[in-house]
C-alpha atoms as a PDB file:
ATOM      1  CA  MET A   1     126.742   9.391  18.191  1.00  0.00           C
ATOM      2  CA  ARG A   2     123.815  10.569  20.286  1.00  0.00           C
ATOM      3  CA  SER A   3     124.224  11.960  23.772  1.00  0.00           C
ATOM      4  CA  ASP A   4     121.707  12.327  26.574  1.00  0.00           C
ATOM      5  CA  ARG A   5     123.205  15.704  27.425  1.00  0.00           C
ATOM      6  CA  LEU A   6     121.324  18.790  26.325  1.00  0.00           C
ATOM      7  CA  PHE A   7     124.495  20.904  26.160  1.00  0.00           C
ATOM      8  CA  SER A   8     128.080  19.999  25.382  1.00  0.00           C
ATOM      9  CA  VAL A   9     131.335  21.675  24.416  1.00  0.00           C
ATOM     10  CA  ALA A  10     133.042  20.764  21.152  1.00  0.00           C
ATOM     11  CA  PRO A  11     136.132  18.671  21.993  1.00  0.00           C
ATOM     12  CA  ASP A  12     138.451  20.622  19.674  1.00  0.00           C
ATOM     13  CA  VAL A  13     137.866  24.066  21.262  1.00  0.00           C
ATOM     14  CA  GLY A  14     140.995  25.343  23.028  1.00  0.00           C
ATOM     15  CA  THR A  15     141.245  26.394  26.649  1.00  0.00           C
ATOM     16  CA  GLU A  16     141.883  30.028  25.764  1.00  0.00           C
ATOM     17  CA  SER A  17     138.690  30.144  23.735  1.00  0.00           C
ATOM     18  CA  LEU A  18     136.721  28.426  26.489  1.00  0.00           C
ATOM     19  CA  LEU A  19     137.912  30.921  29.063  1.00  0.00           C
ATOM     20  CA  ALA A  20     137.253  33.875  26.752  1.00  0.00           C
ATOM     21  CA  ASN A  21     133.703  32.679  26.181  1.00  0.00           C
ATOM     22  CA  ALA A  22     133.170  32.082  29.891  1.00  0.00           C
ATOM     23  CA  SER A  23     134.414  35.577  30.648  1.00  0.00           C
ATOM     24  CA  GLU A  24     132.033  37.132  28.134  1.00  0.00           C
ATOM     25  CA  ASP A  25     129.100  35.100  29.421  1.00  0.00           C
ATOM     26  CA  LEU A  26     129.873  36.017  33.012  1.00  0.00           C
ATOM     27  CA  ALA A  27     129.898  39.685  32.017  1.00  0.00           C
ATOM     28  CA  SER A  28     126.454  39.217  30.470  1.00  0.00           C
ATOM     29  CA  VAL A  29     125.145  37.526  33.603  1.00  0.00           C
ATOM     30  CA  LYS A  30     126.459  40.390  35.691  1.00  0.00           C
ATOM     31  CA  VAL A  31     124.596  42.937  33.559  1.00  0.00           C
ATOM     32  CA  MET A  32     121.356  40.965  33.659  1.00  0.00           C
ATOM     33  CA  ALA A  33     121.576  40.355  37.400  1.00  0.00           C
ATOM     34  CA  ALA A  34     122.156  44.055  38.023  1.00  0.00           C
ATOM     35  CA  ASP A  35     119.126  44.865  35.875  1.00  0.00           C
ATOM     36  CA  LEU A  36     116.986  42.482  37.915  1.00  0.00           C
ATOM     37  CA  ALA A  37     118.246  43.624  41.315  1.00  0.00           C
ATOM     38  CA  PHE A  38     115.361  46.024  41.897  1.00  0.00           C
ATOM     39  CA  GLU A  39     112.530  44.565  39.861  1.00  0.00           C
ATOM     40  CA  ILE A  40     111.429  41.015  39.099  1.00  0.00           C
ATOM     41  CA  GLU A  41     107.760  40.826  38.121  1.00  0.00           C
ATOM     42  CA  GLY A  42     105.824  39.566  35.124  1.00  0.00           C
ATOM     43  CA  SER A  43     108.009  39.267  32.051  1.00  0.00           C
ATOM     44  CA  ARG A  44     111.104  39.882  34.198  1.00  0.00           C
ATOM     45  CA  ARG A  45     110.707  36.304  35.377  1.00  0.00           C
ATOM     46  CA  HIS A  46     111.719  35.229  31.876  1.00  0.00           C
ATOM     47  CA  VAL A  47     114.923  37.225  32.215  1.00  0.00           C
ATOM     48  CA  ALA A  48     115.672  35.436  35.499  1.00  0.00           C
ATOM     49  CA  LEU A  49     115.181  32.100  33.766  1.00  0.00           C
ATOM     50  CA  ALA A  50     117.548  33.203  31.007  1.00  0.00           C
ATOM     51  CA  ILE A  51     120.182  33.893  33.664  1.00  0.00           C
ATOM     52  CA  CYS A  52     119.788  30.342  34.912  1.00  0.00           C
ATOM     53  CA  ARG A  53     120.353  28.988  31.404  1.00  0.00           C
ATOM     54  CA  LEU A  54     123.414  31.170  30.877  1.00  0.00           C
ATOM     55  CA  VAL A  55     124.868  30.036  34.177  1.00  0.00           C
ATOM     56  CA  ASP A  56     124.455  26.404  33.098  1.00  0.00           C
ATOM     57  CA  GLY A  57     126.330  27.079  29.865  1.00  0.00           C
ATOM     58  CA  VAL A  58     129.098  28.997  31.620  1.00  0.00           C
ATOM     59  CA  GLN A  59     129.516  26.166  34.100  1.00  0.00           C
ATOM     60  CA  LEU A  60     130.121  23.768  31.201  1.00  0.00           C
ATOM     61  CA  LEU A  61     132.786  26.059  29.751  1.00  0.00           C
ATOM     62  CA  VAL A  62     134.550  26.564  33.072  1.00  0.00           C
ATOM     63  CA  ASP A  63     134.498  22.858  33.948  1.00  0.00           C
ATOM     64  CA  ARG A  64     135.935  21.995  30.553  1.00  0.00           C
ATOM     65  CA  ALA A  65     138.688  24.602  30.906  1.00  0.00           C
ATOM     66  CA  LEU A  66     139.629  23.267  34.328  1.00  0.00           C
ATOM     67  CA  ASP A  67     139.829  19.722  32.925  1.00  0.00           C
ATOM     68  CA  ASP A  68     142.351  20.910  30.322  1.00  0.00           C
ATOM     69  CA  PHE A  69     144.726  22.564  32.791  1.00  0.00           C
ATOM     70  CA  ASP A  70     147.991  20.727  33.341  1.00  0.00           C
ATOM     71  CA  VAL A  71     148.943  21.952  36.801  1.00  0.00           C
ATOM     72  CA  PRO A  72     152.665  21.448  37.441  1.00  0.00           C
ATOM     73  CA  GLU A  73     153.516  19.444  40.544  1.00  0.00           C
ATOM     74  CA  PRO A  74     155.365  21.262  43.325  1.00  0.00           C
ATOM     75  CA  ALA A  75     159.109  20.523  43.316  1.00  0.00           C
ATOM     76  CA  GLU A  76     158.955  18.343  46.418  1.00  0.00           C
ATOM     77  CA  TYR A  77     156.491  15.960  44.723  1.00  0.00           C
ATOM     78  CA  GLN A  78     158.292  15.553  41.394  1.00  0.00           C
ATOM     79  CA  VAL A  79     159.916  12.225  40.611  1.00  0.00           C
ATOM     80  CA  LYS A  80     163.679  12.567  40.089  1.00  0.00           C
END
């Protein structure tokens, strides 16, 4: 089956793994952003573009993890 999406997350990856990957990617973004804080010229522009791509991937992981959460209903809303 072909998809129009450029990126996707494998449907059999568990929430824990998704969150672990998101956490690692966010740590990488933090390091790159800190590196760029004081200089962004020439080839550094490519690094900034890489940050944008990483953020897109992390957003996919986080969205997928949120979709998998089964948030329990508060007691007053539960059917008895």
